[in-house]
Amino acid sequence: MRLKELSVELRDRIVLRHRSGEGYQNISVVLKFPKNTVTSIILKWKKFGTNNSLPRAGRPAKLSNRGRRALVREVTRTRWSH
């Protein structure tokens, strides 16, 4: 499962530090994010010119992971009760 994405404000802080001349490693240490995260945010900003979330590819899932677990629980509960 994917982790929650960073807020736009945090991504803006990373890009602002990059534009002021700081290196990826230094930004990573100061803001306590992995260097790969900092790199991917900066590369996305360079490519698309924005820090906002972009549309994802593919059809959205009908069930969340939480809903999927609840459904499995319900099915296994009803299956064994008969």
PDB file of N, CA and C in Angstrom:
ATOM      1  N   MET A   1       0.833  -1.177   0.000  1.00  0.00           N
ATOM      2  CA  MET A   1       0.000   0.000   0.000  1.00  0.00           C
ATOM      3  C   MET A   1       0.879   1.243   0.000  1.00  0.00           C
ATOM      4  N   ARG A   2       0.456   2.246  -0.715  1.00  0.00           N
ATOM      5  CA  ARG A   2       1.212   3.493  -0.773  1.00  0.00           C
ATOM      6  C   ARG A   2       1.075   4.259   0.528  1.00  0.00           C
ATOM      7  N   LEU A   3       2.103   5.002   0.848  1.00  0.00           N
ATOM      8  CA  LEU A   3       2.044   5.855   2.021  1.00  0.00           C
ATOM      9  C   LEU A   3       1.359   7.158   1.654  1.00  0.00           C
ATOM     10  N   LYS A   4       0.986   7.918   2.646  1.00  0.00           N
ATOM     11  CA  LYS A   4       0.342   9.198   2.377  1.00  0.00           C
ATOM     12  C   LYS A   4       1.346  10.133   1.707  1.00  0.00           C
ATOM     13  N   GLU A   5       0.853  10.939   0.793  1.00  0.00           N
ATOM     14  CA  GLU A   5       1.765  11.852   0.106  1.00  0.00           C
ATOM     15  C   GLU A   5       1.985  13.100   0.949  1.00  0.00           C
ATOM     16  N   LEU A   6       3.078  13.788   0.681  1.00  0.00           N
ATOM     17  CA  LEU A   6       3.416  15.000   1.423  1.00  0.00           C
ATOM     18  C   LEU A   6       2.463  16.124   1.052  1.00  0.00           C
ATOM     19  N   SER A   7       2.250  17.035   1.984  1.00  0.00           N
ATOM     20  CA  SER A   7       1.373  18.172   1.707  1.00  0.00           C
ATOM     21  C   SER A   7       2.055  19.105   0.699  1.00  0.00           C
ATOM     22  N   VAL A   8       1.246  19.925   0.060  1.00  0.00           N
ATOM     23  CA  VAL A   8       1.766  20.876  -0.927  1.00  0.00           C
ATOM     24  C   VAL A   8       2.730  21.857  -0.259  1.00  0.00           C
ATOM     25  N   GLU A   9       2.452  22.224   0.993  1.00  0.00           N
ATOM     26  CA  GLU A   9       3.320  23.164   1.706  1.00  0.00           C
ATOM     27  C   GLU A   9       4.725  22.577   1.902  1.00  0.00           C
ATOM     28  N   LEU A  10       4.795  21.295   2.270  1.00  0.00           N
ATOM     29  CA  LEU A  10       6.108  20.670   2.451  1.00  0.00           C
ATOM     30  C   LEU A  10       6.849  20.566   1.123  1.00  0.00           C
ATOM     31  N   ARG A  11       6.125  20.206   0.065  1.00  0.00           N
ATOM     32  CA  ARG A  11       6.769  20.132  -1.252  1.00  0.00           C
ATOM     33  C   ARG A  11       7.251  21.499  -1.697  1.00  0.00           C
ATOM     34  N   ASP A  12       6.473  22.550  -1.375  1.00  0.00           N
ATOM     35  CA  ASP A  12       6.896  23.914  -1.710  1.00  0.00           C
ATOM     36  C   ASP A  12       8.171  24.302  -0.963  1.00  0.00           C
ATOM     37  N   ARG A  13       8.273  23.893   0.310  1.00  0.00           N
ATOM     38  CA  ARG A  13       9.485  24.191   1.085  1.00  0.00           C
ATOM     39  C   ARG A  13      10.705  23.519   0.470  1.00  0.00           C
ATOM     40  N   ILE A  14      10.542  22.283   0.004  1.00  0.00           N
ATOM     41  CA  ILE A  14      11.657  21.562  -0.623  1.00  0.00           C
ATOM     42  C   ILE A  14      12.096  22.288  -1.891  1.00  0.00           C
ATOM     43  N   VAL A  15      11.144  22.670  -2.731  1.00  0.00           N
ATOM     44  CA  VAL A  15      11.473  23.356  -3.988  1.00  0.00           C
ATOM     45  C   VAL A  15      12.082  24.730  -3.708  1.00  0.00           C
ATOM     46  N   LEU A  16      11.568  25.431  -2.711  1.00  0.00           N
ATOM     47  CA  LEU A  16      12.099  26.751  -2.368  1.00  0.00           C
ATOM     48  C   LEU A  16      13.570  26.655  -1.947  1.00  0.00           C
ATOM     49  N   ARG A  17      13.884  25.640  -1.143  1.00  0.00           N
ATOM     50  CA  ARG A  17      15.284  25.445  -0.736  1.00  0.00           C
ATOM     51  C   ARG A  17      16.156  25.089  -1.939  1.00  0.00           C
ATOM     52  N   HIS A  18      15.615  24.277  -2.843  1.00  0.00           N
ATOM     53  CA  HIS A  18      16.361  23.905  -4.053  1.00  0.00           C
ATOM     54  C   HIS A  18      16.639  25.141  -4.912  1.00  0.00           C
ATOM     55  N   ARG A  19      15.633  25.987  -5.062  1.00  0.00           N
ATOM     56  CA  ARG A  19      15.802  27.201  -5.877  1.00  0.00           C
ATOM     57  C   ARG A  19      16.780  28.181  -5.252  1.00  0.00           C
ATOM     58  N   SER A  20      16.937  28.126  -3.922  1.00  0.00           N
ATOM     59  CA  SER A  20      17.888  29.029  -3.269  1.00  0.00           C
ATOM     60  C   SER A  20      19.316  28.494  -3.342  1.00  0.00           C
ATOM     61  N   GLY A  21      19.494  27.302  -3.950  1.00  0.00           N
ATOM     62  CA  GLY A  21      20.837  26.798  -4.188  1.00  0.00           C
ATOM     63  C   GLY A  21      21.275  25.654  -3.296  1.00  0.00           C
ATOM     64  N   GLU A  22      20.403  25.192  -2.408  1.00  0.00           N
ATOM     65  CA  GLU A  22      20.780  24.072  -1.540  1.00  0.00           C
ATOM     66  C   GLU A  22      20.796  22.766  -2.322  1.00  0.00           C
ATOM     67  N   GLY A  23      21.660  21.862  -1.915  1.00  0.00           N
ATOM     68  CA  GLY A  23      21.756  20.564  -2.566  1.00  0.00           C
ATOM     69  C   GLY A  23      20.717  19.588  -2.023  1.00  0.00           C
ATOM     70  N   TYR A  24      20.512  18.513  -2.761  1.00  0.00           N
ATOM     71  CA  TYR A  24      19.526  17.503  -2.378  1.00  0.00           C
ATOM     72  C   TYR A  24      19.845  16.920  -1.007  1.00  0.00           C
ATOM     73  N   GLN A  25      21.105  16.582  -0.769  1.00  0.00           N
ATOM     74  CA  GLN A  25      21.502  15.959   0.493  1.00  0.00           C
ATOM     75  C   GLN A  25      21.252  16.899   1.665  1.00  0.00           C
ATOM     76  N   ASN A  26      21.584  18.158   1.501  1.00  0.00           N
ATOM     77  CA  ASN A  26      21.400  19.133   2.571  1.00  0.00           C
ATOM     78  C   ASN A  26      19.906  19.325   2.876  1.00  0.00           C
ATOM     79  N   ILE A  27      19.083  19.433   1.847  1.00  0.00           N
ATOM     80  CA  ILE A  27      17.637  19.571   2.037  1.00  0.00           C
ATOM     81  C   ILE A  27      17.111  18.347   2.785  1.00  0.00           C
ATOM     82  N   SER A  28      17.588  17.181   2.394  1.00  0.00           N
ATOM     83  CA  SER A  28      17.156  15.930   3.012  1.00  0.00           C
ATOM     84  C   SER A  28      17.467  15.919   4.505  1.00  0.00           C
ATOM     85  N   VAL A  29      18.646  16.345   4.874  1.00  0.00           N
ATOM     86  CA  VAL A  29      19.066  16.338   6.279  1.00  0.00           C
ATOM     87  C   VAL A  29      18.271  17.363   7.080  1.00  0.00           C
ATOM     88  N   VAL A  30      18.118  18.577   6.545  1.00  0.00           N
ATOM     89  CA  VAL A  30      17.452  19.656   7.270  1.00  0.00           C
ATOM     90  C   VAL A  30      15.972  19.348   7.480  1.00  0.00           C
ATOM     91  N   LEU A  31      15.279  18.874   6.443  1.00  0.00           N
ATOM     92  CA  LEU A  31      13.840  18.639   6.542  1.00  0.00           C
ATOM     93  C   LEU A  31      13.490  17.217   6.989  1.00  0.00           C
ATOM     94  N   LYS A  32      14.511  16.376   7.164  1.00  0.00           N
ATOM     95  CA  LYS A  32      14.326  15.001   7.642  1.00  0.00           C
ATOM     96  C   LYS A  32      13.429  14.169   6.725  1.00  0.00           C
ATOM     97  N   PHE A  33      13.704  14.252   5.426  1.00  0.00           N
ATOM     98  CA  PHE A  33      13.063  13.406   4.429  1.00  0.00           C
ATOM     99  C   PHE A  33      14.143  12.610   3.723  1.00  0.00           C
ATOM    100  N   PRO A  34      13.829  11.405   3.226  1.00  0.00           N
ATOM    101  CA  PRO A  34      14.826  10.653   2.464  1.00  0.00           C
ATOM    102  C   PRO A  34      15.268  11.427   1.225  1.00  0.00           C
ATOM    103  N   LYS A  35      16.522  11.231   0.848  1.00  0.00           N
ATOM    104  CA  LYS A  35      17.063  11.940  -0.310  1.00  0.00           C
ATOM    105  C   LYS A  35      16.280  11.606  -1.576  1.00  0.00           C
ATOM    106  N   ASN A  36      15.830  10.348  -1.708  1.00  0.00           N
ATOM    107  CA  ASN A  36      15.051   9.970  -2.889  1.00  0.00           C
ATOM    108  C   ASN A  36      13.727  10.729  -2.961  1.00  0.00           C
ATOM    109  N   THR A  37      13.113  10.990  -1.815  1.00  0.00           N
ATOM    110  CA  THR A  37      11.869  11.754  -1.786  1.00  0.00           C
ATOM    111  C   THR A  37      12.125  13.179  -2.261  1.00  0.00           C
ATOM    112  N   VAL A  38      13.175  13.796  -1.733  1.00  0.00           N
ATOM    113  CA  VAL A  38      13.534  15.157  -2.138  1.00  0.00           C
ATOM    114  C   VAL A  38      13.817  15.197  -3.636  1.00  0.00           C
ATOM    115  N   THR A  39      14.571  14.226  -4.133  1.00  0.00           N
ATOM    116  CA  THR A  39      14.923  14.177  -5.549  1.00  0.00           C
ATOM    117  C   THR A  39      13.680  14.045  -6.411  1.00  0.00           C
ATOM    118  N   SER A  40      12.774  13.145  -6.037  1.00  0.00           N
ATOM    119  CA  SER A  40      11.589  12.932  -6.867  1.00  0.00           C
ATOM    120  C   SER A  40      10.685  14.162  -6.875  1.00  0.00           C
ATOM    121  N   ILE A  41      10.581  14.859  -5.753  1.00  0.00           N
ATOM    122  CA  ILE A  41       9.756  16.067  -5.701  1.00  0.00           C
ATOM    123  C   ILE A  41      10.349  17.152  -6.587  1.00  0.00           C
ATOM    124  N   ILE A  42      11.661  17.319  -6.542  1.00  0.00           N
ATOM    125  CA  ILE A  42      12.306  18.357  -7.361  1.00  0.00           C
ATOM    126  C   ILE A  42      12.218  18.007  -8.847  1.00  0.00           C
ATOM    127  N   LEU A  43      12.435  16.733  -9.191  1.00  0.00           N
ATOM    128  CA  LEU A  43      12.341  16.341 -10.599  1.00  0.00           C
ATOM    129  C   LEU A  43      10.925  16.516 -11.129  1.00  0.00           C
ATOM    130  N   LYS A  44       9.920  16.203 -10.311  1.00  0.00           N
ATOM    131  CA  LYS A  44       8.523  16.401 -10.716  1.00  0.00           C
ATOM    132  C   LYS A  44       8.243  17.882 -10.928  1.00  0.00           C
ATOM    133  N   TRP A  45       8.764  18.722 -10.033  1.00  0.00           N
ATOM    134  CA  TRP A  45       8.571  20.161 -10.171  1.00  0.00           C
ATOM    135  C   TRP A  45       9.231  20.685 -11.455  1.00  0.00           C
ATOM    136  N   LYS A  46      10.444  20.175 -11.755  1.00  0.00           N
ATOM    137  CA  LYS A  46      11.131  20.609 -12.978  1.00  0.00           C
ATOM    138  C   LYS A  46      10.372  20.175 -14.224  1.00  0.00           C
ATOM    139  N   LYS A  47       9.809  18.967 -14.197  1.00  0.00           N
ATOM    140  CA  LYS A  47       9.134  18.425 -15.379  1.00  0.00           C
ATOM    141  C   LYS A  47       7.766  19.059 -15.607  1.00  0.00           C
ATOM    142  N   PHE A  48       6.962  19.199 -14.536  1.00  0.00           N
ATOM    143  CA  PHE A  48       5.584  19.660 -14.689  1.00  0.00           C
ATOM    144  C   PHE A  48       5.367  21.097 -14.237  1.00  0.00           C
ATOM    145  N   GLY A  49       6.324  21.680 -13.512  1.00  0.00           N
ATOM    146  CA  GLY A  49       6.205  23.063 -13.084  1.00  0.00           C
ATOM    147  C   GLY A  49       5.200  23.280 -11.967  1.00  0.00           C
ATOM    148  N   THR A  50       4.822  22.226 -11.265  1.00  0.00           N
ATOM    149  CA  THR A  50       3.853  22.364 -10.185  1.00  0.00           C
ATOM    150  C   THR A  50       4.160  21.366  -9.078  1.00  0.00           C
ATOM    151  N   ASN A  51       3.650  21.673  -7.887  1.00  0.00           N
ATOM    152  CA  ASN A  51       3.780  20.752  -6.756  1.00  0.00           C
ATOM    153  C   ASN A  51       2.448  20.129  -6.391  1.00  0.00           C
ATOM    154  N   ASN A  52       1.407  20.465  -7.139  1.00  0.00           N
ATOM    155  CA  ASN A  52       0.098  19.893  -6.860  1.00  0.00           C
ATOM    156  C   ASN A  52       0.055  18.436  -7.287  1.00  0.00           C
ATOM    157  N   SER A  53      -0.855  17.680  -6.692  1.00  0.00           N
ATOM    158  CA  SER A  53      -1.015  16.279  -7.053  1.00  0.00           C
ATOM    159  C   SER A  53      -1.592  16.191  -8.460  1.00  0.00           C
ATOM    160  N   LEU A  54      -1.001  15.338  -9.280  1.00  0.00           N
ATOM    161  CA  LEU A  54      -1.464  15.158 -10.645  1.00  0.00           C
ATOM    162  C   LEU A  54      -2.403  13.960 -10.714  1.00  0.00           C
ATOM    163  N   PRO A  55      -3.250  13.900 -11.737  1.00  0.00           N
ATOM    164  CA  PRO A  55      -4.145  12.750 -11.870  1.00  0.00           C
ATOM    165  C   PRO A  55      -3.361  11.457 -12.003  1.00  0.00           C
ATOM    166  N   ARG A  56      -3.880  10.407 -11.390  1.00  0.00           N
ATOM    167  CA  ARG A  56      -3.231   9.110 -11.456  1.00  0.00           C
ATOM    168  C   ARG A  56      -3.696   8.357 -12.699  1.00  0.00           C
ATOM    169  N   ALA A  57      -2.893   7.417 -13.137  1.00  0.00           N
ATOM    170  CA  ALA A  57      -3.261   6.600 -14.283  1.00  0.00           C
ATOM    171  C   ALA A  57      -4.135   5.441 -13.802  1.00  0.00           C
ATOM    172  N   GLY A  58      -5.051   5.016 -14.646  1.00  0.00           N
ATOM    173  CA  GLY A  58      -5.856   3.843 -14.319  1.00  0.00           C
ATOM    174  C   GLY A  58      -7.158   4.178 -13.619  1.00  0.00           C
ATOM    175  N   ARG A  59      -7.984   3.162 -13.533  1.00  0.00           N
ATOM    176  CA  ARG A  59      -9.286   3.319 -12.915  1.00  0.00           C
ATOM    177  C   ARG A  59      -9.148   3.263 -11.402  1.00  0.00           C
ATOM    178  N   PRO A  60      -9.822   4.162 -10.677  1.00  0.00           N
ATOM    179  CA  PRO A  60      -9.749   4.117  -9.219  1.00  0.00           C
ATOM    180  C   PRO A  60     -10.382   2.837  -8.679  1.00  0.00           C
ATOM    181  N   ALA A  61      -9.861   2.334  -7.582  1.00  0.00           N
ATOM    182  CA  ALA A  61     -10.403   1.127  -6.962  1.00  0.00           C
ATOM    183  C   ALA A  61     -11.775   1.429  -6.372  1.00  0.00           C
ATOM    184  N   LYS A  62     -12.691   0.467  -6.483  1.00  0.00           N
ATOM    185  CA  LYS A  62     -14.023   0.656  -5.909  1.00  0.00           C
ATOM    186  C   LYS A  62     -13.975   0.537  -4.393  1.00  0.00           C
ATOM    187  N   LEU A  63     -13.107  -0.351  -3.891  1.00  0.00           N
ATOM    188  CA  LEU A  63     -12.992  -0.546  -2.455  1.00  0.00           C
ATOM    189  C   LEU A  63     -11.645  -0.056  -1.952  1.00  0.00           C
ATOM    190  N   SER A  64     -11.668   0.582  -0.793  1.00  0.00           N
ATOM    191  CA  SER A  64     -10.403   0.923  -0.145  1.00  0.00           C
ATOM    192  C   SER A  64      -9.873  -0.336   0.526  1.00  0.00           C
ATOM    193  N   ASN A  65      -8.638  -0.294   0.991  1.00  0.00           N
ATOM    194  CA  ASN A  65      -8.086  -1.442   1.710  1.00  0.00           C
ATOM    195  C   ASN A  65      -8.910  -1.759   2.947  1.00  0.00           C
ATOM    196  N   ARG A  66      -9.388  -0.727   3.618  1.00  0.00           N
ATOM    197  CA  ARG A  66     -10.215  -0.923   4.810  1.00  0.00           C
ATOM    198  C   ARG A  66     -11.527  -1.605   4.450  1.00  0.00           C
ATOM    199  N   GLY A  67     -12.166  -1.146   3.381  1.00  0.00           N
ATOM    200  CA  GLY A  67     -13.409  -1.762   2.927  1.00  0.00           C
ATOM    201  C   GLY A  67     -13.205  -3.203   2.484  1.00  0.00           C
ATOM    202  N   ARG A  68     -12.078  -3.468   1.833  1.00  0.00           N
ATOM    203  CA  ARG A  68     -11.771  -4.828   1.383  1.00  0.00           C
ATOM    204  C   ARG A  68     -11.627  -5.771   2.580  1.00  0.00           C
ATOM    205  N   ARG A  69     -10.934  -5.311   3.628  1.00  0.00           N
ATOM    206  CA  ARG A  69     -10.778  -6.137   4.822  1.00  0.00           C
ATOM    207  C   ARG A  69     -12.120  -6.402   5.499  1.00  0.00           C
ATOM    208  N   ALA A  70     -12.986  -5.378   5.546  1.00  0.00           N
ATOM    209  CA  ALA A  70     -14.308  -5.541   6.159  1.00  0.00           C
ATOM    210  C   ALA A  70     -15.129  -6.553   5.378  1.00  0.00           C
ATOM    211  N   LEU A  71     -15.047  -6.516   4.056  1.00  0.00           N
ATOM    212  CA  LEU A  71     -15.778  -7.455   3.221  1.00  0.00           C
ATOM    213  C   LEU A  71     -15.296  -8.885   3.452  1.00  0.00           C
ATOM    214  N   VAL A  72     -13.984  -9.082   3.519  1.00  0.00           N
ATOM    215  CA  VAL A  72     -13.434 -10.411   3.770  1.00  0.00           C
ATOM    216  C   VAL A  72     -13.883 -10.913   5.139  1.00  0.00           C
ATOM    217  N   ARG A  73     -13.861 -10.032   6.147  1.00  0.00           N
ATOM    218  CA  ARG A  73     -14.324 -10.415   7.486  1.00  0.00           C
ATOM    219  C   ARG A  73     -15.778 -10.865   7.462  1.00  0.00           C
ATOM    220  N   GLU A  74     -16.613 -10.106   6.774  1.00  0.00           N
ATOM    221  CA  GLU A  74     -18.037 -10.425   6.699  1.00  0.00           C
ATOM    222  C   GLU A  74     -18.286 -11.746   5.981  1.00  0.00           C
ATOM    223  N   VAL A  75     -17.588 -11.972   4.888  1.00  0.00           N
ATOM    224  CA  VAL A  75     -17.769 -13.209   4.128  1.00  0.00           C
ATOM    225  C   VAL A  75     -17.335 -14.412   4.947  1.00  0.00           C
ATOM    226  N   THR A  76     -16.177 -14.321   5.612  1.00  0.00           N
ATOM    227  CA  THR A  76     -15.718 -15.473   6.391  1.00  0.00           C
ATOM    228  C   THR A  76     -16.624 -15.686   7.601  1.00  0.00           C
ATOM    229  N   ARG A  77     -17.190 -14.642   8.155  1.00  0.00           N
ATOM    230  CA  ARG A  77     -18.089 -14.784   9.297  1.00  0.00           C
ATOM    231  C   ARG A  77     -19.396 -15.462   8.867  1.00  0.00           C
ATOM    232  N   THR A  78     -19.969 -15.059   7.747  1.00  0.00           N
ATOM    233  CA  THR A  78     -21.244 -15.630   7.306  1.00  0.00           C
ATOM    234  C   THR A  78     -21.069 -17.018   6.726  1.00  0.00           C
ATOM    235  N   ARG A  79     -19.926 -17.283   6.127  1.00  0.00           N
ATOM    236  CA  ARG A  79     -19.707 -18.590   5.510  1.00  0.00           C
ATOM    237  C   ARG A  79     -19.698 -19.689   6.571  1.00  0.00           C
ATOM    238  N   TRP A  80     -19.076 -19.420   7.721  1.00  0.00           N
ATOM    239  CA  TRP A  80     -18.947 -20.452   8.748  1.00  0.00           C
ATOM    240  C   TRP A  80     -20.155 -20.530   9.659  1.00  0.00           C
ATOM    241  N   SER A  81     -21.058 -19.546   9.589  1.00  0.00           N
ATOM    242  CA  SER A  81     -22.219 -19.572  10.487  1.00  0.00           C
ATOM    243  C   SER A  81     -23.339 -20.459   9.947  1.00  0.00           C
ATOM    244  N   HIS A  82     -23.296 -20.851   8.677  1.00  0.00           N
ATOM    245  CA  HIS A  82     -24.365 -21.696   8.109  1.00  0.00           C
ATOM    246  C   HIS A  82     -24.093 -23.142   8.259  1.00  0.00           C
TER     247      HIS A  82
END
